[in-house]
Amino acid sequence: MADHQQQQPGHAGPQLSIDAPGRRPGIELGHQESQTEWLQAAAIAEFLCLSLGYEDVQELEDALQGPFTEFLSMLPNVCTTFRPDPESKKPALYFQVVPEPPQDQWVCKRIEYHVRERNHLWNVLLKSSHARIEVPDLGIEFAVDGRKKIDTVWNYLSAAALDLGMHVQTNVGITDDETDKTLAVIEGLAALRDLERPWTLVVVDPSSTSTFSDMTDVVVIDNYVDTGSHVDQP
């Protein structure tokens, strides 16, 4: 659909691209690497090149649209530090993927992200595999899908619109009323990406591990009692 082929507006800094479209398999640091040990960034960049078929680190960074070190700094579940390289003894960047807590330590939380400015669309959301997303302004909910995802808010909206568009195109038995409602949601998602008005993104996570890379405009309600979706149901 034409709505999904528009070019993303420019913004400062590298664009987060976990899954580079049309290039190589996506980078999933949380699954490929240990979540407890500190890993040297340069070594992991070389490892990813070999694993994913990139010719060198430069090609990997071209796919990420920025330096690998900046890519790591954008990930909400990654901690970084500088340590001496074992061989050269010079300072080198190391990182650690923060592990999820055991289920008996989960504390449900509700996260409300108030999107008011263009740069808010480039904030990175780590959605845990246990979380659901609500967009009250459109009266829609994205149910728990069992998958962890790390991406910008803009890309979440774009992917949702693309999925809905594919749903309309591939379901020949869908009624005209269902089609109209789905197309209205797609248009609404486009309006949110264009920031025609301020809006709010809500994440409800029983594991409390979902987070944003920048928590400046985020309201967190800990020990949240989840009584189900608060968006309007069709």
C-alpha atoms as a PDB file:
ATOM      1  CA  MET A   1       0.000   0.000   0.000  1.00  0.00           C
ATOM      2  CA  ALA A   2       1.263   3.486  -0.767  1.00  0.00           C
ATOM      3  CA  ASP A   3       0.955   4.470   2.877  1.00  0.00           C
ATOM      4  CA  HIS A   4       3.715   2.050   3.804  1.00  0.00           C
ATOM      5  CA  GLN A   5       6.139   3.031   1.069  1.00  0.00           C
ATOM      6  CA  GLN A   6       6.658   6.590   2.194  1.00  0.00           C
ATOM      7  CA  GLN A   7      10.155   7.560   3.261  1.00  0.00           C
ATOM      8  CA  GLN A   8      10.727   8.024   6.948  1.00  0.00           C
ATOM      9  CA  PRO A   9      11.327  11.644   7.941  1.00  0.00           C
ATOM     10  CA  GLY A  10      14.853  12.649   8.792  1.00  0.00           C
ATOM     11  CA  HIS A  11      16.062  12.670  12.364  1.00  0.00           C
ATOM     12  CA  ALA A  12      19.272  13.042  14.299  1.00  0.00           C
ATOM     13  CA  GLY A  13      21.504  10.055  14.948  1.00  0.00           C
ATOM     14  CA  PRO A  14      21.539   6.571  13.454  1.00  0.00           C
ATOM     15  CA  GLN A  15      18.251   4.858  12.763  1.00  0.00           C
ATOM     16  CA  LEU A  16      17.737   1.708  14.788  1.00  0.00           C
ATOM     17  CA  SER A  17      17.307  -1.214  12.441  1.00  0.00           C
ATOM     18  CA  ILE A  18      17.164  -4.567  14.205  1.00  0.00           C
ATOM     19  CA  ASP A  19      15.888  -6.278  11.086  1.00  0.00           C
ATOM     20  CA  ALA A  20      17.370  -4.620   8.010  1.00  0.00           C
ATOM     21  CA  PRO A  21      14.718  -5.090   5.271  1.00  0.00           C
ATOM     22  CA  GLY A  22      15.984  -6.901   2.207  1.00  0.00           C
ATOM     23  CA  ARG A  23      19.446  -7.422   3.628  1.00  0.00           C
ATOM     24  CA  ARG A  24      20.428 -10.178   6.059  1.00  0.00           C
ATOM     25  CA  PRO A  25      18.760 -11.998   8.970  1.00  0.00           C
ATOM     26  CA  GLY A  26      18.053  -9.688  11.904  1.00  0.00           C
ATOM     27  CA  ILE A  27      20.363  -9.098  14.846  1.00  0.00           C
ATOM     28  CA  GLU A  28      19.006 -10.524  18.086  1.00  0.00           C
ATOM     29  CA  LEU A  29      21.688  -9.960  20.691  1.00  0.00           C
ATOM     30  CA  GLY A  30      19.465 -11.146  23.507  1.00  0.00           C
ATOM     31  CA  HIS A  31      19.165 -14.601  21.945  1.00  0.00           C
ATOM     32  CA  GLN A  32      22.576 -15.058  20.341  1.00  0.00           C
ATOM     33  CA  GLU A  33      24.739 -14.032  23.243  1.00  0.00           C
ATOM     34  CA  SER A  34      24.938 -14.769  26.946  1.00  0.00           C
ATOM     35  CA  GLN A  35      22.853 -12.456  29.082  1.00  0.00           C
ATOM     36  CA  THR A  36      25.229 -12.601  32.070  1.00  0.00           C
ATOM     37  CA  GLU A  37      28.765 -12.000  30.778  1.00  0.00           C
ATOM     38  CA  TRP A  38      30.382  -8.818  29.505  1.00  0.00           C
ATOM     39  CA  LEU A  39      31.193  -9.005  25.800  1.00  0.00           C
ATOM     40  CA  GLN A  40      33.641  -6.869  23.839  1.00  0.00           C
ATOM     41  CA  ALA A  41      31.729  -4.816  21.277  1.00  0.00           C
ATOM     42  CA  ALA A  42      34.402  -4.996  18.562  1.00  0.00           C
ATOM     43  CA  ALA A  43      34.645  -8.784  18.815  1.00  0.00           C
ATOM     44  CA  ILE A  44      30.863  -9.220  18.680  1.00  0.00           C
ATOM     45  CA  ALA A  45      30.639  -6.926  15.652  1.00  0.00           C
ATOM     46  CA  GLU A  46      33.117  -9.193  13.847  1.00  0.00           C
ATOM     47  CA  PHE A  47      31.188 -12.266  15.004  1.00  0.00           C
ATOM     48  CA  LEU A  48      27.925 -10.834  13.668  1.00  0.00           C
ATOM     49  CA  CYS A  49      29.547 -10.157  10.301  1.00  0.00           C
ATOM     50  CA  LEU A  50      30.556 -13.815  10.043  1.00  0.00           C
ATOM     51  CA  SER A  51      27.205 -15.092  11.324  1.00  0.00           C
ATOM     52  CA  LEU A  52      24.984 -12.881   9.173  1.00  0.00           C
ATOM     53  CA  GLY A  53      27.072 -12.813   6.004  1.00  0.00           C
ATOM     54  CA  TYR A  54      28.312  -9.214   6.042  1.00  0.00           C
ATOM     55  CA  GLU A  55      31.627  -8.609   4.292  1.00  0.00           C
ATOM     56  CA  ASP A  56      33.005  -6.448   7.084  1.00  0.00           C
ATOM     57  CA  VAL A  57      31.992  -4.216   9.990  1.00  0.00           C
ATOM     58  CA  GLN A  58      31.502  -1.279   7.628  1.00  0.00           C
ATOM     59  CA  GLU A  59      28.818  -3.199   5.731  1.00  0.00           C
ATOM     60  CA  LEU A  60      27.184  -4.188   9.024  1.00  0.00           C
ATOM     61  CA  GLU A  61      27.141  -0.556  10.131  1.00  0.00           C
ATOM     62  CA  ASP A  62      25.714   0.493   6.769  1.00  0.00           C
ATOM     63  CA  ALA A  63      22.791  -1.855   7.441  1.00  0.00           C
ATOM     64  CA  LEU A  64      22.407  -0.451  10.959  1.00  0.00           C
ATOM     65  CA  GLN A  65      22.645   3.071   9.530  1.00  0.00           C
ATOM     66  CA  GLY A  66      25.171   4.036  12.189  1.00  0.00           C
ATOM     67  CA  PRO A  67      28.161   2.801  14.218  1.00  0.00           C
ATOM     68  CA  PHE A  68      27.696  -0.501  16.060  1.00  0.00           C
ATOM     69  CA  THR A  69      28.646   1.236  19.315  1.00  0.00           C
ATOM     70  CA  GLU A  70      25.802   3.742  18.885  1.00  0.00           C
ATOM     71  CA  PHE A  71      23.469   0.887  18.001  1.00  0.00           C
ATOM     72  CA  LEU A  72      24.303  -0.718  21.361  1.00  0.00           C
ATOM     73  CA  SER A  73      23.741   2.556  23.217  1.00  0.00           C
ATOM     74  CA  MET A  74      20.212   2.756  21.782  1.00  0.00           C
ATOM     75  CA  LEU A  75      19.159  -0.647  23.133  1.00  0.00           C
ATOM     76  CA  PRO A  76      17.213  -0.301  26.407  1.00  0.00           C
ATOM     77  CA  ASN A  77      18.278  -3.751  27.670  1.00  0.00           C
ATOM     78  CA  VAL A  78      22.012  -3.267  27.157  1.00  0.00           C
ATOM     79  CA  CYS A  79      24.569  -1.884  29.638  1.00  0.00           C
ATOM     80  CA  THR A  80      27.959  -0.667  28.420  1.00  0.00           C
ATOM     81  CA  THR A  81      31.294   0.023  30.072  1.00  0.00           C
ATOM     82  CA  PHE A  82      34.951   0.464  29.134  1.00  0.00           C
ATOM     83  CA  ARG A  83      37.521  -2.132  30.190  1.00  0.00           C
ATOM     84  CA  PRO A  84      41.138  -2.805  29.222  1.00  0.00           C
ATOM     85  CA  ASP A  85      41.524  -5.018  26.178  1.00  0.00           C
ATOM     86  CA  PRO A  86      43.213  -8.292  27.280  1.00  0.00           C
ATOM     87  CA  GLU A  87      45.886  -7.966  24.588  1.00  0.00           C
ATOM     88  CA  SER A  88      46.466  -4.264  23.921  1.00  0.00           C
ATOM     89  CA  LYS A  89      45.488  -3.144  27.458  1.00  0.00           C
ATOM     90  CA  LYS A  90      43.810  -0.128  25.831  1.00  0.00           C
ATOM     91  CA  PRO A  91      40.243   0.838  26.875  1.00  0.00           C
ATOM     92  CA  ALA A  92      37.658  -1.112  24.880  1.00  0.00           C
ATOM     93  CA  LEU A  93      33.867  -0.982  24.899  1.00  0.00           C
ATOM     94  CA  TYR A  94      32.130  -3.925  26.542  1.00  0.00           C
ATOM     95  CA  PHE A  95      28.413  -4.573  26.837  1.00  0.00           C
ATOM     96  CA  GLN A  96      26.039  -6.834  28.719  1.00  0.00           C
ATOM     97  CA  VAL A  97      22.477  -7.831  27.843  1.00  0.00           C
ATOM     98  CA  VAL A  98      20.409  -7.412  31.007  1.00  0.00           C
ATOM     99  CA  PRO A  99      18.699 -10.752  31.776  1.00  0.00           C
ATOM    100  CA  GLU A 100      14.997 -11.033  32.526  1.00  0.00           C
ATOM    101  CA  PRO A 101      14.119 -11.687  36.177  1.00  0.00           C
ATOM    102  CA  PRO A 102      12.671 -15.083  37.162  1.00  0.00           C
ATOM    103  CA  GLN A 103       8.876 -15.199  37.064  1.00  0.00           C
ATOM    104  CA  ASP A 104       8.564 -15.243  40.858  1.00  0.00           C
ATOM    105  CA  GLN A 105      10.149 -11.766  40.872  1.00  0.00           C
ATOM    106  CA  TRP A 106       7.845 -10.224  38.290  1.00  0.00           C
ATOM    107  CA  VAL A 107       6.045  -6.997  39.181  1.00  0.00           C
ATOM    108  CA  CYS A 108       3.372  -5.872  36.725  1.00  0.00           C
ATOM    109  CA  LYS A 109       3.773  -2.325  35.473  1.00  0.00           C
ATOM    110  CA  ARG A 110       1.908   0.024  33.172  1.00  0.00           C
ATOM    111  CA  ILE A 111       3.979   2.350  30.997  1.00  0.00           C
ATOM    112  CA  GLU A 112       2.432   5.448  29.445  1.00  0.00           C
ATOM    113  CA  TYR A 113       4.506   7.222  26.808  1.00  0.00           C
ATOM    114  CA  HIS A 114       3.205  10.650  25.838  1.00  0.00           C
ATOM    115  CA  VAL A 115       4.201  11.461  22.259  1.00  0.00           C
ATOM    116  CA  ARG A 116       4.163  15.221  21.707  1.00  0.00           C
ATOM    117  CA  GLU A 117       7.193  15.972  19.514  1.00  0.00           C
ATOM    118  CA  ARG A 118       8.687  14.494  16.342  1.00  0.00           C
ATOM    119  CA  ASN A 119      11.772  13.194  18.130  1.00  0.00           C
ATOM    120  CA  HIS A 120       9.512  11.186  20.453  1.00  0.00           C
ATOM    121  CA  LEU A 121       8.767   8.907  17.487  1.00  0.00           C
ATOM    122  CA  TRP A 122      12.426   7.810  17.436  1.00  0.00           C
ATOM    123  CA  ASN A 123      12.490   6.675  21.052  1.00  0.00           C
ATOM    124  CA  VAL A 124      13.299   2.969  21.206  1.00  0.00           C
ATOM    125  CA  LEU A 125      10.878   0.603  22.923  1.00  0.00           C
ATOM    126  CA  LEU A 126      11.895  -2.788  24.221  1.00  0.00           C
ATOM    127  CA  LYS A 127       8.648  -4.770  24.350  1.00  0.00           C
ATOM    128  CA  SER A 128       8.981  -7.993  26.292  1.00  0.00           C
ATOM    129  CA  SER A 129       7.394 -11.195  25.032  1.00  0.00           C
ATOM    130  CA  HIS A 130       4.830 -10.902  27.834  1.00  0.00           C
ATOM    131  CA  ALA A 131       3.602  -7.364  27.151  1.00  0.00           C
ATOM    132  CA  ARG A 132       0.677  -5.952  25.239  1.00  0.00           C
ATOM    133  CA  ILE A 133       0.460  -2.513  23.643  1.00  0.00           C
ATOM    134  CA  GLU A 134      -2.548  -0.204  23.684  1.00  0.00           C
ATOM    135  CA  VAL A 135      -3.182   2.924  21.632  1.00  0.00           C
ATOM    136  CA  PRO A 136      -6.177   4.538  23.385  1.00  0.00           C
ATOM    137  CA  ASP A 137      -6.359   7.360  20.827  1.00  0.00           C
ATOM    138  CA  LEU A 138      -7.312   4.805  18.162  1.00  0.00           C
ATOM    139  CA  GLY A 139      -9.105   2.380  20.464  1.00  0.00           C
ATOM    140  CA  ILE A 140      -6.820  -0.506  19.474  1.00  0.00           C
ATOM    141  CA  GLU A 141      -4.679  -3.072  21.244  1.00  0.00           C
ATOM    142  CA  PHE A 142      -1.802  -5.283  20.121  1.00  0.00           C
ATOM    143  CA  ALA A 143      -2.182  -8.471  22.133  1.00  0.00           C
ATOM    144  CA  VAL A 144       0.620 -10.484  23.714  1.00  0.00           C
ATOM    145  CA  ASP A 145       2.405 -12.306  20.883  1.00  0.00           C
ATOM    146  CA  GLY A 146       5.143 -14.128  22.795  1.00  0.00           C
ATOM    147  CA  ARG A 147       7.928 -12.251  21.008  1.00  0.00           C
ATOM    148  CA  LYS A 148      10.428  -9.742  22.323  1.00  0.00           C
ATOM    149  CA  LYS A 149      10.843  -6.744  20.032  1.00  0.00           C
ATOM    150  CA  ILE A 150      13.159  -3.741  20.095  1.00  0.00           C
ATOM    151  CA  ASP A 151      12.337  -0.924  17.699  1.00  0.00           C
ATOM    152  CA  THR A 152      11.491   2.748  17.414  1.00  0.00           C
ATOM    153  CA  VAL A 153       7.952   3.933  18.078  1.00  0.00           C
ATOM    154  CA  TRP A 154       7.714   5.035  14.433  1.00  0.00           C
ATOM    155  CA  ASN A 155       8.615   1.541  13.243  1.00  0.00           C
ATOM    156  CA  TYR A 156       6.092  -0.080  15.593  1.00  0.00           C
ATOM    157  CA  LEU A 157       3.348   2.021  14.017  1.00  0.00           C
ATOM    158  CA  SER A 158       4.593   1.392  10.489  1.00  0.00           C
ATOM    159  CA  ALA A 159       4.793  -2.377  11.019  1.00  0.00           C
ATOM    160  CA  ALA A 160       1.287  -2.438  12.502  1.00  0.00           C
ATOM    161  CA  ALA A 161      -0.120  -0.572   9.499  1.00  0.00           C
ATOM    162  CA  LEU A 162       1.673  -2.927   7.113  1.00  0.00           C
ATOM    163  CA  ASP A 163       0.317  -6.009   8.911  1.00  0.00           C
ATOM    164  CA  LEU A 164      -3.224  -4.641   8.796  1.00  0.00           C
ATOM    165  CA  GLY A 165      -2.862  -3.831   5.110  1.00  0.00           C
ATOM    166  CA  MET A 166      -1.710  -7.376   4.385  1.00  0.00           C
ATOM    167  CA  HIS A 167      -4.650  -8.685   6.416  1.00  0.00           C
ATOM    168  CA  VAL A 168      -7.087  -6.792   4.209  1.00  0.00           C
ATOM    169  CA  GLN A 169      -5.395  -7.903   0.992  1.00  0.00           C
ATOM    170  CA  THR A 170      -5.091 -11.603   1.847  1.00  0.00           C
ATOM    171  CA  ASN A 171      -8.451 -12.241   3.526  1.00  0.00           C
ATOM    172  CA  VAL A 172     -10.915 -12.562   0.653  1.00  0.00           C
ATOM    173  CA  GLY A 173     -13.773 -13.369   3.015  1.00  0.00           C
ATOM    174  CA  ILE A 174     -13.493 -10.143   5.001  1.00  0.00           C
ATOM    175  CA  THR A 175     -16.688  -8.074   5.010  1.00  0.00           C
ATOM    176  CA  ASP A 176     -16.917  -4.532   3.673  1.00  0.00           C
ATOM    177  CA  ASP A 177     -17.569  -3.270   7.201  1.00  0.00           C
ATOM    178  CA  GLU A 178     -14.452  -5.008   8.552  1.00  0.00           C
ATOM    179  CA  THR A 179     -12.439  -3.651   5.638  1.00  0.00           C
ATOM    180  CA  ASP A 180     -13.624  -0.091   6.291  1.00  0.00           C
ATOM    181  CA  LYS A 181     -12.781  -0.370   9.999  1.00  0.00           C
ATOM    182  CA  THR A 182      -9.329  -1.768   9.265  1.00  0.00           C
ATOM    183  CA  LEU A 183      -8.568   0.933   6.699  1.00  0.00           C
ATOM    184  CA  ALA A 184      -9.676   3.556   9.225  1.00  0.00           C
ATOM    185  CA  VAL A 185      -7.159   2.162  11.730  1.00  0.00           C
ATOM    186  CA  ILE A 186      -4.417   2.220   9.077  1.00  0.00           C
ATOM    187  CA  GLU A 187      -5.200   5.877   8.376  1.00  0.00           C
ATOM    188  CA  GLY A 188      -5.176   6.550  12.111  1.00  0.00           C
ATOM    189  CA  LEU A 189      -1.733   4.970  12.468  1.00  0.00           C
ATOM    190  CA  ALA A 190      -0.475   7.195   9.639  1.00  0.00           C
ATOM    191  CA  ALA A 191      -1.848  10.246  11.469  1.00  0.00           C
ATOM    192  CA  LEU A 192       0.024   9.192  14.619  1.00  0.00           C
ATOM    193  CA  ARG A 193       3.255   8.843  12.628  1.00  0.00           C
ATOM    194  CA  ASP A 194       2.674  12.304  11.179  1.00  0.00           C
ATOM    195  CA  LEU A 195       2.010  13.556  14.720  1.00  0.00           C
ATOM    196  CA  GLU A 196      -1.121  15.422  13.692  1.00  0.00           C
ATOM    197  CA  ARG A 197      -1.913  15.633  17.413  1.00  0.00           C
ATOM    198  CA  PRO A 198      -0.330  14.457  20.691  1.00  0.00           C
ATOM    199  CA  TRP A 199      -1.111  10.859  21.581  1.00  0.00           C
ATOM    200  CA  THR A 200      -0.248   8.175  24.123  1.00  0.00           C
ATOM    201  CA  LEU A 201       1.261   4.713  23.773  1.00  0.00           C
ATOM    202  CA  VAL A 202       0.528   2.310  26.638  1.00  0.00           C
ATOM    203  CA  VAL A 203       2.496  -0.840  27.461  1.00  0.00           C
ATOM    204  CA  VAL A 204       1.194  -3.278  30.080  1.00  0.00           C
ATOM    205  CA  ASP A 205       3.844  -5.802  31.105  1.00  0.00           C
ATOM    206  CA  PRO A 206       3.437  -8.395  33.886  1.00  0.00           C
ATOM    207  CA  SER A 207       7.203  -9.072  33.814  1.00  0.00           C
ATOM    208  CA  SER A 208       8.106  -5.352  34.216  1.00  0.00           C
ATOM    209  CA  THR A 209      10.960  -5.752  31.707  1.00  0.00           C
ATOM    210  CA  SER A 210       9.567  -3.557  28.924  1.00  0.00           C
ATOM    211  CA  THR A 211      11.223  -0.153  28.804  1.00  0.00           C
ATOM    212  CA  PHE A 212      12.162   2.807  26.607  1.00  0.00           C
ATOM    213  CA  SER A 213      15.700   3.950  25.859  1.00  0.00           C
ATOM    214  CA  ASP A 214      14.661   7.485  26.892  1.00  0.00           C
ATOM    215  CA  MET A 215      12.259   7.566  29.841  1.00  0.00           C
ATOM    216  CA  THR A 216      11.913  11.384  29.896  1.00  0.00           C
ATOM    217  CA  ASP A 217       8.255  11.546  28.840  1.00  0.00           C
ATOM    218  CA  VAL A 218       7.277   8.177  30.269  1.00  0.00           C
ATOM    219  CA  VAL A 219       4.962   7.575  33.223  1.00  0.00           C
ATOM    220  CA  VAL A 220       5.468   4.225  34.973  1.00  0.00           C
ATOM    221  CA  ILE A 221       2.887   2.700  37.307  1.00  0.00           C
ATOM    222  CA  ASP A 222       4.481  -0.110  39.322  1.00  0.00           C
ATOM    223  CA  ASN A 223       2.490  -2.911  40.979  1.00  0.00           C
ATOM    224  CA  TYR A 224      -0.202  -2.276  38.398  1.00  0.00           C
ATOM    225  CA  VAL A 225      -3.353  -4.351  38.789  1.00  0.00           C
ATOM    226  CA  ASP A 226      -4.135  -5.453  35.249  1.00  0.00           C
ATOM    227  CA  THR A 227      -7.874  -5.789  34.742  1.00  0.00           C
ATOM    228  CA  GLY A 228      -7.604  -6.134  30.983  1.00  0.00           C
ATOM    229  CA  SER A 229      -7.622  -3.755  28.047  1.00  0.00           C
ATOM    230  CA  HIS A 230      -8.986  -0.253  28.552  1.00  0.00           C
ATOM    231  CA  VAL A 231      -9.361   0.528  24.864  1.00  0.00           C
ATOM    232  CA  ASP A 232     -12.698   0.430  23.110  1.00  0.00           C
ATOM    233  CA  GLN A 233     -13.485  -3.022  21.802  1.00  0.00           C
ATOM    234  CA  PRO A 234     -15.244  -3.401  18.420  1.00  0.00           C
END
